Amino acid sequence: MNSFKTIKASSEGIYKAKGSKFIAFAIPINSEIQFKEGLSRIKKKYHDAGHHCYAFSIGPEGKLFRYSDDGEPNNSAGKPIYGQLLSFGVTNVSIIVIRYFGGTKLGVGGLITAYKEAAKNALNNAKIIKKEITEVLTIDFKYDSMNSIMGIVKAFDLEIAEQQFDLDCIIKLNCPTRNKLQLEKKLKFIQNINFRFG
């Protein structure tokens, strides 16, 4: 697996049922900390909403995930929201759905539909993109190896995450996992360097 699907930018979706309004926010994230920051922003901005339910998935295979009903009946909100992340096949995404109560109870079935549809609308309004899985490649080298290193950076079109050029240089690169073996072979031919992935 060399890539995964995620969303390019934040998007919103709305669903209305019997006077209740459900507003969903789909947000691209790379960590649980980013999810918590997004949730806190939405709770602050929409502090008057009755519920702030959510689901998120992180990692190329979505191994880190959570969902919450935030006071709604058990499995009536978080799970249906999470179900949409699965059905769209996206990860590194959080969906937060806020609810404004309209005075009429929807019942568990009605809530499941409402949270599911709001989340689905937010994802339908998002631009879904493919992202390559990358690993950080750190190279320590002497200044006189600079041309060889920069030649490899250019040849593989690698993104520079950090660099420090002195007599002893360090460069950190985001390397697509599909190029890892080729890169290792090339780097082994350059003298006086150390490199590591991860």
N, C-alpha and C. Protein backbone atom coordinates (compact mmCIF):
# COMPACT_ATOMS: atom_id res chain seq x y z
N MET A 1 0.84 -1.19 0.00
CA MET A 1 0.00 0.00 0.00
C MET A 1 0.88 1.25 0.00
N ASN A 2 0.80 2.03 -1.08
CA ASN A 2 1.66 3.22 -1.20
C ASN A 2 0.91 4.53 -1.01
N SER A 3 -0.42 4.47 -0.96
CA SER A 3 -1.17 5.72 -0.82
C SER A 3 -2.47 5.48 -0.04
N PHE A 4 -3.11 6.58 0.35
CA PHE A 4 -4.39 6.50 1.04
C PHE A 4 -5.26 7.67 0.61
N LYS A 5 -6.56 7.53 0.86
CA LYS A 5 -7.49 8.62 0.49
C LYS A 5 -7.78 9.50 1.70
N THR A 6 -7.79 10.80 1.47
CA THR A 6 -8.15 11.75 2.53
C THR A 6 -8.87 12.93 1.87
N ILE A 7 -9.11 14.00 2.62
CA ILE A 7 -9.76 15.17 2.02
C ILE A 7 -8.76 16.32 1.93
N LYS A 8 -8.91 17.13 0.91
CA LYS A 8 -7.95 18.20 0.65
C LYS A 8 -8.10 19.35 1.64
N ALA A 9 -9.35 19.70 1.96
CA ALA A 9 -9.61 20.84 2.85
C ALA A 9 -10.90 20.59 3.62
N SER A 10 -11.15 21.43 4.61
CA SER A 10 -12.37 21.29 5.43
C SER A 10 -13.61 21.52 4.57
N SER A 11 -14.70 20.85 4.97
CA SER A 11 -15.97 21.04 4.27
C SER A 11 -17.12 20.87 5.27
N GLU A 12 -18.31 21.28 4.85
CA GLU A 12 -19.47 21.21 5.75
C GLU A 12 -20.63 20.50 5.08
N GLY A 13 -21.52 19.99 5.91
CA GLY A 13 -22.75 19.38 5.42
C GLY A 13 -23.87 19.65 6.42
N ILE A 14 -25.09 19.76 5.94
CA ILE A 14 -26.23 20.05 6.83
C ILE A 14 -27.34 19.02 6.57
N TYR A 15 -28.02 18.65 7.65
CA TYR A 15 -29.19 17.78 7.52
C TYR A 15 -30.23 18.29 8.51
N LYS A 16 -31.48 18.38 8.05
CA LYS A 16 -32.56 18.86 8.93
C LYS A 16 -33.63 17.79 9.07
N ALA A 17 -34.13 17.65 10.29
CA ALA A 17 -35.21 16.68 10.52
C ALA A 17 -36.09 17.17 11.66
N LYS A 18 -37.38 17.32 11.40
CA LYS A 18 -38.37 17.73 12.42
C LYS A 18 -37.90 18.91 13.26
N GLY A 19 -37.37 19.92 12.59
CA GLY A 19 -36.95 21.13 13.30
C GLY A 19 -35.54 21.07 13.83
N SER A 20 -34.98 19.88 14.01
CA SER A 20 -33.59 19.76 14.47
C SER A 20 -32.65 20.00 13.30
N LYS A 21 -31.53 20.64 13.62
CA LYS A 21 -30.54 20.94 12.57
C LYS A 21 -29.22 20.28 12.95
N PHE A 22 -28.65 19.53 12.01
CA PHE A 22 -27.38 18.84 12.23
C PHE A 22 -26.36 19.42 11.26
N ILE A 23 -25.29 20.01 11.79
CA ILE A 23 -24.25 20.59 10.94
C ILE A 23 -22.98 19.78 11.13
N ALA A 24 -22.45 19.26 10.02
CA ALA A 24 -21.25 18.42 10.06
C ALA A 24 -20.05 19.17 9.50
N PHE A 25 -18.92 19.01 10.17
CA PHE A 25 -17.66 19.62 9.73
C PHE A 25 -16.65 18.50 9.49
N ALA A 26 -16.21 18.34 8.25
CA ALA A 26 -15.17 17.36 7.93
C ALA A 26 -13.85 18.12 7.86
N ILE A 27 -12.87 17.65 8.63
CA ILE A 27 -11.60 18.38 8.76
C ILE A 27 -10.42 17.43 8.53
N PRO A 28 -9.48 17.82 7.64
CA PRO A 28 -8.29 16.98 7.47
C PRO A 28 -7.38 17.10 8.70
N ILE A 29 -6.86 15.98 9.19
CA ILE A 29 -5.98 15.99 10.37
C ILE A 29 -4.84 15.00 10.15
N ASN A 30 -3.74 15.21 10.90
CA ASN A 30 -2.62 14.26 10.86
C ASN A 30 -2.33 13.65 12.21
N SER A 31 -3.02 14.14 13.25
CA SER A 31 -2.75 13.63 14.60
C SER A 31 -3.97 13.84 15.49
N GLU A 32 -3.97 13.14 16.63
CA GLU A 32 -5.06 13.29 17.59
C GLU A 32 -5.06 14.70 18.18
N ILE A 33 -3.88 15.30 18.30
CA ILE A 33 -3.78 16.67 18.83
C ILE A 33 -4.52 17.63 17.89
N GLN A 34 -4.32 17.46 16.58
CA GLN A 34 -5.02 18.32 15.61
C GLN A 34 -6.53 18.12 15.70
N PHE A 35 -6.96 16.87 15.93
CA PHE A 35 -8.40 16.61 16.10
C PHE A 35 -8.92 17.37 17.31
N LYS A 36 -8.20 17.28 18.44
CA LYS A 36 -8.65 17.94 19.68
C LYS A 36 -8.72 19.45 19.51
N GLU A 37 -7.76 20.01 18.79
CA GLU A 37 -7.77 21.46 18.52
C GLU A 37 -9.00 21.84 17.72
N GLY A 38 -9.32 21.04 16.69
CA GLY A 38 -10.50 21.30 15.85
C GLY A 38 -11.79 21.20 16.64
N LEU A 39 -11.88 20.16 17.50
CA LEU A 39 -13.07 19.97 18.33
C LEU A 39 -13.25 21.15 19.29
N SER A 40 -12.15 21.58 19.88
CA SER A 40 -12.21 22.69 20.83
C SER A 40 -12.66 23.99 20.14
N ARG A 41 -12.16 24.22 18.91
CA ARG A 41 -12.57 25.42 18.13
C ARG A 41 -14.07 25.38 17.86
N ILE A 42 -14.58 24.22 17.45
CA ILE A 42 -16.00 24.10 17.11
C ILE A 42 -16.87 24.22 18.36
N LYS A 43 -16.42 23.63 19.48
CA LYS A 43 -17.18 23.75 20.74
C LYS A 43 -17.27 25.20 21.19
N LYS A 44 -16.20 25.94 20.97
CA LYS A 44 -16.17 27.35 21.36
C LYS A 44 -17.11 28.17 20.48
N LYS A 45 -17.01 27.93 19.16
CA LYS A 45 -17.80 28.70 18.20
C LYS A 45 -19.28 28.35 18.28
N TYR A 46 -19.60 27.08 18.50
CA TYR A 46 -21.01 26.63 18.54
C TYR A 46 -21.33 26.11 19.94
N HIS A 47 -21.00 26.93 20.93
CA HIS A 47 -21.19 26.54 22.35
C HIS A 47 -22.66 26.33 22.71
N ASP A 48 -23.55 26.91 21.88
CA ASP A 48 -24.99 26.81 22.17
C ASP A 48 -25.62 25.54 21.58
N ALA A 49 -24.83 24.73 20.86
CA ALA A 49 -25.37 23.47 20.29
C ALA A 49 -25.55 22.46 21.41
N GLY A 50 -26.57 21.60 21.28
CA GLY A 50 -26.86 20.62 22.32
C GLY A 50 -25.85 19.49 22.40
N HIS A 51 -25.31 19.11 21.25
CA HIS A 51 -24.37 17.98 21.20
C HIS A 51 -23.25 18.29 20.20
N HIS A 52 -22.06 17.78 20.51
CA HIS A 52 -20.92 17.88 19.59
C HIS A 52 -20.39 16.44 19.41
N CYS A 53 -21.00 15.70 18.50
CA CYS A 53 -20.64 14.29 18.30
C CYS A 53 -19.56 14.21 17.23
N TYR A 54 -18.76 13.15 17.28
CA TYR A 54 -17.66 13.09 16.33
C TYR A 54 -17.19 11.67 16.05
N ALA A 55 -16.34 11.59 15.01
CA ALA A 55 -15.58 10.38 14.71
C ALA A 55 -14.32 10.83 13.98
N PHE A 56 -13.23 10.11 14.19
CA PHE A 56 -12.04 10.40 13.40
C PHE A 56 -11.28 9.12 13.12
N SER A 57 -10.45 9.19 12.08
CA SER A 57 -9.62 8.06 11.67
C SER A 57 -8.25 8.63 11.27
N ILE A 58 -7.18 8.00 11.78
CA ILE A 58 -5.82 8.48 11.50
C ILE A 58 -4.94 7.31 11.08
N GLY A 59 -4.05 7.57 10.14
CA GLY A 59 -3.09 6.56 9.68
C GLY A 59 -3.51 5.99 8.35
N PRO A 60 -2.54 5.55 7.53
CA PRO A 60 -2.87 5.04 6.19
C PRO A 60 -3.94 3.95 6.20
N GLU A 61 -3.96 3.12 7.24
CA GLU A 61 -4.97 2.05 7.30
C GLU A 61 -6.07 2.36 8.31
N GLY A 62 -6.08 3.61 8.82
CA GLY A 62 -7.12 4.03 9.76
C GLY A 62 -7.10 3.27 11.08
N LYS A 63 -5.88 2.87 11.51
CA LYS A 63 -5.78 2.04 12.72
C LYS A 63 -6.12 2.81 14.00
N LEU A 64 -5.88 4.13 13.99
CA LEU A 64 -6.24 4.94 15.15
C LEU A 64 -7.59 5.61 14.85
N PHE A 65 -8.62 5.24 15.59
CA PHE A 65 -9.94 5.85 15.36
C PHE A 65 -10.70 5.95 16.68
N ARG A 66 -11.61 6.91 16.74
CA ARG A 66 -12.49 7.04 17.90
C ARG A 66 -13.80 7.65 17.45
N TYR A 67 -14.83 7.43 18.25
CA TYR A 67 -16.09 8.14 17.99
C TYR A 67 -16.81 8.36 19.31
N SER A 68 -17.68 9.38 19.32
CA SER A 68 -18.37 9.76 20.55
C SER A 68 -19.80 10.19 20.26
N ASP A 69 -20.72 9.76 21.13
CA ASP A 69 -22.13 10.16 21.01
C ASP A 69 -22.42 11.46 21.75
N ASP A 70 -21.50 11.91 22.58
CA ASP A 70 -21.63 13.16 23.35
C ASP A 70 -23.04 13.34 23.95
N GLY A 71 -23.50 12.32 24.67
CA GLY A 71 -24.79 12.46 25.37
C GLY A 71 -26.01 11.98 24.60
N GLU A 72 -25.85 11.71 23.31
CA GLU A 72 -26.96 11.14 22.54
C GLU A 72 -27.08 9.66 22.94
N PRO A 73 -28.23 9.00 22.65
CA PRO A 73 -28.35 7.57 22.98
C PRO A 73 -27.20 6.76 22.39
N ASN A 74 -26.81 5.70 23.09
CA ASN A 74 -25.68 4.87 22.72
C ASN A 74 -25.68 4.46 21.24
N ASN A 75 -24.56 4.70 20.56
CA ASN A 75 -24.35 4.32 19.15
C ASN A 75 -25.29 4.99 18.15
N SER A 76 -25.93 6.10 18.56
CA SER A 76 -26.86 6.76 17.63
C SER A 76 -26.19 7.89 16.86
N ALA A 77 -24.94 8.27 17.24
CA ALA A 77 -24.30 9.42 16.58
C ALA A 77 -22.88 9.09 16.13
N GLY A 78 -21.98 8.79 17.09
CA GLY A 78 -20.58 8.56 16.75
C GLY A 78 -20.35 7.45 15.75
N LYS A 79 -21.05 6.32 15.97
CA LYS A 79 -20.86 5.16 15.09
C LYS A 79 -21.34 5.43 13.65
N PRO A 80 -22.53 6.04 13.48
CA PRO A 80 -22.96 6.36 12.11
C PRO A 80 -22.01 7.35 11.42
N ILE A 81 -21.43 8.29 12.19
CA ILE A 81 -20.48 9.24 11.60
C ILE A 81 -19.23 8.47 11.15
N TYR A 82 -18.73 7.60 12.04
CA TYR A 82 -17.55 6.78 11.72
C TYR A 82 -17.83 5.88 10.50
N GLY A 83 -19.05 5.38 10.42
CA GLY A 83 -19.45 4.54 9.28
C GLY A 83 -19.25 5.25 7.95
N GLN A 84 -19.44 6.57 7.92
CA GLN A 84 -19.26 7.33 6.68
C GLN A 84 -17.78 7.45 6.30
N LEU A 85 -16.91 7.57 7.32
CA LEU A 85 -15.47 7.59 7.04
C LEU A 85 -15.08 6.26 6.37
N LEU A 86 -15.65 5.17 6.88
CA LEU A 86 -15.36 3.84 6.32
C LEU A 86 -15.94 3.70 4.91
N SER A 87 -17.18 4.16 4.75
CA SER A 87 -17.80 3.93 3.44
C SER A 87 -17.17 4.81 2.35
N PHE A 88 -16.63 5.97 2.70
CA PHE A 88 -15.91 6.80 1.72
C PHE A 88 -14.45 6.35 1.59
N GLY A 89 -14.02 5.49 2.54
CA GLY A 89 -12.65 4.97 2.48
C GLY A 89 -11.58 6.01 2.73
N VAL A 90 -11.92 7.02 3.59
CA VAL A 90 -10.95 8.09 3.86
C VAL A 90 -10.36 7.95 5.27
N THR A 91 -9.14 8.46 5.42
CA THR A 91 -8.50 8.49 6.73
C THR A 91 -7.79 9.84 6.88
N ASN A 92 -7.21 10.07 8.05
CA ASN A 92 -6.65 11.39 8.40
C ASN A 92 -7.74 12.46 8.26
N VAL A 93 -8.93 12.08 8.74
CA VAL A 93 -10.10 12.96 8.66
C VAL A 93 -10.87 12.86 9.97
N SER A 94 -11.36 14.02 10.45
CA SER A 94 -12.31 14.00 11.57
C SER A 94 -13.61 14.63 11.09
N ILE A 95 -14.71 14.10 11.60
CA ILE A 95 -16.02 14.70 11.31
C ILE A 95 -16.68 15.00 12.65
N ILE A 96 -17.03 16.27 12.83
CA ILE A 96 -17.71 16.70 14.04
C ILE A 96 -19.10 17.16 13.62
N VAL A 97 -20.12 16.59 14.25
CA VAL A 97 -21.50 16.97 13.91
C VAL A 97 -22.14 17.59 15.13
N ILE A 98 -22.62 18.84 14.96
CA ILE A 98 -23.29 19.51 16.07
C ILE A 98 -24.80 19.47 15.83
N ARG A 99 -25.57 19.45 16.93
CA ARG A 99 -27.01 19.35 16.79
C ARG A 99 -27.71 20.49 17.54
N TYR A 100 -28.62 21.13 16.84
CA TYR A 100 -29.53 22.09 17.48
C TYR A 100 -30.90 21.41 17.54
N PHE A 101 -31.38 21.21 18.74
CA PHE A 101 -32.66 20.49 18.96
C PHE A 101 -33.84 21.33 18.51
N GLY A 102 -34.77 20.68 17.78
CA GLY A 102 -35.91 21.41 17.23
C GLY A 102 -37.20 21.23 18.00
N GLY A 103 -37.14 20.52 19.14
CA GLY A 103 -38.35 20.38 19.96
C GLY A 103 -39.06 19.05 19.81
N THR A 104 -38.78 18.31 18.73
CA THR A 104 -39.41 17.00 18.54
C THR A 104 -38.34 15.92 18.61
N LYS A 105 -38.58 14.91 19.44
CA LYS A 105 -37.61 13.81 19.55
C LYS A 105 -37.63 12.98 18.26
N LEU A 106 -36.44 12.55 17.84
CA LEU A 106 -36.34 11.81 16.58
C LEU A 106 -36.31 10.30 16.79
N GLY A 107 -36.03 9.86 18.02
CA GLY A 107 -35.86 8.43 18.27
C GLY A 107 -34.51 7.97 17.77
N VAL A 108 -34.07 6.82 18.23
CA VAL A 108 -32.72 6.34 17.89
C VAL A 108 -32.55 6.19 16.38
N GLY A 109 -33.54 5.60 15.70
CA GLY A 109 -33.47 5.42 14.24
C GLY A 109 -33.32 6.75 13.52
N GLY A 110 -34.11 7.73 13.96
CA GLY A 110 -34.05 9.07 13.35
C GLY A 110 -32.71 9.74 13.57
N LEU A 111 -32.14 9.54 14.77
CA LEU A 111 -30.82 10.13 15.07
C LEU A 111 -29.73 9.48 14.21
N ILE A 112 -29.78 8.16 14.10
CA ILE A 112 -28.78 7.45 13.29
C ILE A 112 -28.79 8.00 11.86
N THR A 113 -29.99 8.13 11.29
CA THR A 113 -30.12 8.66 9.93
C THR A 113 -29.58 10.08 9.85
N ALA A 114 -29.95 10.92 10.81
CA ALA A 114 -29.55 12.33 10.79
C ALA A 114 -28.04 12.50 10.86
N TYR A 115 -27.39 11.81 11.81
CA TYR A 115 -25.94 11.95 11.96
C TYR A 115 -25.21 11.37 10.75
N LYS A 116 -25.73 10.26 10.24
CA LYS A 116 -25.13 9.62 9.06
C LYS A 116 -25.21 10.56 7.85
N GLU A 117 -26.41 11.12 7.61
CA GLU A 117 -26.63 11.97 6.44
C GLU A 117 -25.83 13.27 6.51
N ALA A 118 -25.76 13.86 7.71
CA ALA A 118 -24.98 15.10 7.88
C ALA A 118 -23.51 14.83 7.55
N ALA A 119 -22.96 13.72 8.09
CA ALA A 119 -21.56 13.35 7.84
C ALA A 119 -21.34 13.06 6.35
N LYS A 120 -22.30 12.36 5.75
CA LYS A 120 -22.22 12.01 4.33
C LYS A 120 -22.21 13.28 3.46
N ASN A 121 -23.07 14.25 3.81
CA ASN A 121 -23.12 15.52 3.06
C ASN A 121 -21.80 16.26 3.14
N ALA A 122 -21.18 16.26 4.34
CA ALA A 122 -19.89 16.95 4.50
C ALA A 122 -18.83 16.30 3.62
N LEU A 123 -18.82 14.96 3.57
CA LEU A 123 -17.82 14.27 2.74
C LEU A 123 -18.12 14.42 1.24
N ASN A 124 -19.42 14.47 0.89
CA ASN A 124 -19.77 14.71 -0.51
C ASN A 124 -19.32 16.09 -0.97
N ASN A 125 -19.28 17.05 -0.02
CA ASN A 125 -18.87 18.42 -0.35
C ASN A 125 -17.35 18.60 -0.29
N ALA A 126 -16.63 17.55 0.12
CA ALA A 126 -15.17 17.65 0.24
C ALA A 126 -14.52 17.16 -1.05
N LYS A 127 -13.32 17.66 -1.29
CA LYS A 127 -12.53 17.14 -2.43
C LYS A 127 -11.68 16.00 -1.89
N ILE A 128 -11.96 14.78 -2.35
CA ILE A 128 -11.20 13.61 -1.87
C ILE A 128 -9.97 13.44 -2.75
N ILE A 129 -8.82 13.31 -2.08
CA ILE A 129 -7.54 13.20 -2.81
C ILE A 129 -6.78 11.96 -2.35
N LYS A 130 -5.83 11.56 -3.18
CA LYS A 130 -4.94 10.45 -2.82
C LYS A 130 -3.64 11.06 -2.30
N LYS A 131 -3.15 10.53 -1.19
CA LYS A 131 -1.87 11.00 -0.65
C LYS A 131 -0.91 9.83 -0.58
N GLU A 132 0.32 10.11 -0.96
CA GLU A 132 1.33 9.05 -0.88
C GLU A 132 1.76 8.85 0.57
N ILE A 133 2.06 7.61 0.90
CA ILE A 133 2.59 7.31 2.23
C ILE A 133 4.08 7.64 2.20
N THR A 134 4.51 8.46 3.14
CA THR A 134 5.92 8.85 3.17
C THR A 134 6.57 8.47 4.50
N GLU A 135 7.88 8.37 4.44
CA GLU A 135 8.68 8.15 5.64
C GLU A 135 9.71 9.24 5.69
N VAL A 136 10.14 9.61 6.89
CA VAL A 136 11.18 10.63 6.99
C VAL A 136 12.53 9.96 6.78
N LEU A 137 13.32 10.54 5.87
CA LEU A 137 14.68 10.07 5.60
C LEU A 137 15.63 11.14 6.10
N THR A 138 16.49 10.79 7.06
CA THR A 138 17.47 11.74 7.61
C THR A 138 18.84 11.37 7.07
N ILE A 139 19.54 12.35 6.51
CA ILE A 139 20.89 12.11 5.98
C ILE A 139 21.87 13.06 6.68
N ASP A 140 22.94 12.49 7.26
CA ASP A 140 24.04 13.28 7.84
C ASP A 140 25.19 13.19 6.84
N PHE A 141 25.76 14.33 6.45
CA PHE A 141 26.84 14.29 5.46
C PHE A 141 27.77 15.49 5.61
N LYS A 142 28.95 15.37 5.00
CA LYS A 142 29.91 16.47 4.98
C LYS A 142 29.53 17.42 3.84
N TYR A 143 29.92 18.68 4.01
CA TYR A 143 29.54 19.71 3.03
C TYR A 143 29.96 19.33 1.61
N ASP A 144 31.11 18.62 1.48
CA ASP A 144 31.59 18.31 0.12
C ASP A 144 30.75 17.24 -0.60
N SER A 145 29.79 16.63 0.13
CA SER A 145 28.88 15.68 -0.52
C SER A 145 27.56 16.35 -0.95
N MET A 146 27.49 17.66 -0.73
CA MET A 146 26.26 18.42 -0.98
C MET A 146 25.69 18.19 -2.39
N ASN A 147 26.55 18.27 -3.43
CA ASN A 147 26.05 18.14 -4.80
C ASN A 147 25.42 16.77 -5.05
N SER A 148 26.04 15.72 -4.52
CA SER A 148 25.50 14.37 -4.70
C SER A 148 24.14 14.24 -4.02
N ILE A 149 24.05 14.77 -2.79
CA ILE A 149 22.79 14.68 -2.03
C ILE A 149 21.69 15.46 -2.74
N MET A 150 22.00 16.70 -3.15
CA MET A 150 20.98 17.54 -3.79
C MET A 150 20.57 16.95 -5.15
N GLY A 151 21.49 16.25 -5.80
CA GLY A 151 21.19 15.57 -7.07
C GLY A 151 20.12 14.50 -6.85
N ILE A 152 20.25 13.76 -5.74
CA ILE A 152 19.27 12.71 -5.40
C ILE A 152 17.92 13.34 -5.04
N VAL A 153 17.97 14.43 -4.26
CA VAL A 153 16.73 15.14 -3.87
C VAL A 153 15.96 15.54 -5.14
N LYS A 154 16.71 16.07 -6.13
CA LYS A 154 16.10 16.53 -7.38
C LYS A 154 15.59 15.34 -8.21
N ALA A 155 16.43 14.30 -8.33
CA ALA A 155 16.07 13.14 -9.16
C ALA A 155 14.80 12.45 -8.67
N PHE A 156 14.65 12.38 -7.34
CA PHE A 156 13.47 11.69 -6.77
C PHE A 156 12.35 12.66 -6.41
N ASP A 157 12.58 13.96 -6.67
CA ASP A 157 11.59 15.00 -6.37
C ASP A 157 11.14 14.91 -4.90
N LEU A 158 12.11 14.89 -3.99
CA LEU A 158 11.82 14.73 -2.56
C LEU A 158 11.54 16.07 -1.91
N GLU A 159 10.62 16.05 -0.98
CA GLU A 159 10.25 17.27 -0.25
C GLU A 159 11.18 17.41 0.96
N ILE A 160 11.81 18.59 1.07
CA ILE A 160 12.72 18.86 2.20
C ILE A 160 11.90 19.30 3.41
N ALA A 161 12.01 18.55 4.50
CA ALA A 161 11.27 18.89 5.72
C ALA A 161 12.12 19.81 6.61
N GLU A 162 13.41 19.51 6.69
CA GLU A 162 14.34 20.32 7.51
C GLU A 162 15.71 20.24 6.88
N GLN A 163 16.51 21.33 7.03
CA GLN A 163 17.88 21.25 6.55
C GLN A 163 18.79 22.13 7.40
N GLN A 164 20.02 21.67 7.54
CA GLN A 164 21.01 22.44 8.31
C GLN A 164 22.35 22.23 7.61
N PHE A 165 22.82 23.30 6.94
CA PHE A 165 24.07 23.18 6.18
C PHE A 165 25.20 23.90 6.89
N ASP A 166 26.23 23.15 7.21
CA ASP A 166 27.44 23.65 7.86
C ASP A 166 28.56 22.75 7.37
N LEU A 167 29.64 22.63 8.13
CA LEU A 167 30.67 21.65 7.76
C LEU A 167 30.07 20.25 7.84
N ASP A 168 29.31 20.03 8.92
CA ASP A 168 28.51 18.80 9.04
C ASP A 168 27.07 19.18 8.73
N CYS A 169 26.48 18.51 7.75
CA CYS A 169 25.14 18.87 7.30
C CYS A 169 24.13 17.79 7.68
N ILE A 170 22.90 18.23 7.89
CA ILE A 170 21.79 17.30 8.14
C ILE A 170 20.64 17.74 7.25
N ILE A 171 20.01 16.77 6.61
CA ILE A 171 18.82 17.08 5.83
C ILE A 171 17.76 16.02 6.14
N LYS A 172 16.53 16.48 6.34
CA LYS A 172 15.41 15.56 6.56
C LYS A 172 14.47 15.68 5.37
N LEU A 173 14.14 14.53 4.80
CA LEU A 173 13.32 14.51 3.59
C LEU A 173 12.09 13.64 3.78
N ASN A 174 10.98 14.04 3.15
CA ASN A 174 9.79 13.19 3.13
C ASN A 174 9.90 12.29 1.91
N CYS A 175 10.11 11.00 2.16
CA CYS A 175 10.36 10.05 1.09
C CYS A 175 9.16 9.13 0.88
N PRO A 176 8.58 9.11 -0.34
CA PRO A 176 7.50 8.15 -0.61
C PRO A 176 8.01 6.72 -0.39
N THR A 177 7.25 5.90 0.32
CA THR A 177 7.71 4.55 0.64
C THR A 177 8.01 3.73 -0.62
N ARG A 178 7.34 4.03 -1.74
CA ARG A 178 7.58 3.26 -2.97
C ARG A 178 9.00 3.48 -3.50
N ASN A 179 9.67 4.60 -3.10
CA ASN A 179 11.03 4.89 -3.58
C ASN A 179 12.12 4.43 -2.62
N LYS A 180 11.71 3.86 -1.48
CA LYS A 180 12.67 3.57 -0.41
C LYS A 180 13.85 2.69 -0.86
N LEU A 181 13.57 1.57 -1.51
CA LEU A 181 14.64 0.65 -1.92
C LEU A 181 15.59 1.29 -2.93
N GLN A 182 15.03 1.98 -3.93
CA GLN A 182 15.85 2.67 -4.93
C GLN A 182 16.76 3.70 -4.28
N LEU A 183 16.19 4.45 -3.35
CA LEU A 183 16.95 5.49 -2.66
C LEU A 183 18.10 4.89 -1.85
N GLU A 184 17.80 3.81 -1.14
CA GLU A 184 18.84 3.15 -0.34
C GLU A 184 20.02 2.75 -1.22
N LYS A 185 19.71 2.18 -2.40
CA LYS A 185 20.78 1.75 -3.32
C LYS A 185 21.64 2.94 -3.74
N LYS A 186 20.99 4.04 -4.12
CA LYS A 186 21.72 5.23 -4.58
C LYS A 186 22.58 5.82 -3.46
N LEU A 187 22.01 5.90 -2.25
CA LEU A 187 22.72 6.53 -1.13
C LEU A 187 23.95 5.72 -0.70
N LYS A 188 23.90 4.40 -0.90
CA LYS A 188 25.03 3.55 -0.50
C LYS A 188 26.28 3.84 -1.33
N PHE A 189 26.09 4.45 -2.51
CA PHE A 189 27.24 4.76 -3.37
C PHE A 189 27.91 6.10 -2.99
N ILE A 190 27.27 6.87 -2.13
CA ILE A 190 27.86 8.16 -1.73
C ILE A 190 28.70 7.95 -0.48
N GLN A 191 29.94 8.40 -0.55
CA GLN A 191 30.85 8.19 0.58
C GLN A 191 30.61 9.21 1.68
N ASN A 192 31.02 8.81 2.89
CA ASN A 192 30.99 9.71 4.07
C ASN A 192 29.61 10.25 4.41
N ILE A 193 28.59 9.44 4.26
CA ILE A 193 27.27 9.88 4.70
C ILE A 193 26.64 8.78 5.58
N ASN A 194 25.73 9.19 6.43
CA ASN A 194 24.92 8.26 7.20
C ASN A 194 23.47 8.60 6.91
N PHE A 195 22.64 7.59 6.75
CA PHE A 195 21.23 7.88 6.53
C PHE A 195 20.37 6.85 7.27
N ARG A 196 19.16 7.29 7.61
CA ARG A 196 18.22 6.40 8.31
C ARG A 196 16.79 6.81 7.97
N PHE A 197 15.93 5.81 7.92
CA PHE A 197 14.50 6.05 7.69
C PHE A 197 13.76 6.00 9.03
N GLY A 198 12.68 6.75 9.11
CA GLY A 198 11.83 6.69 10.29
C GLY A 198 12.06 7.81 11.26
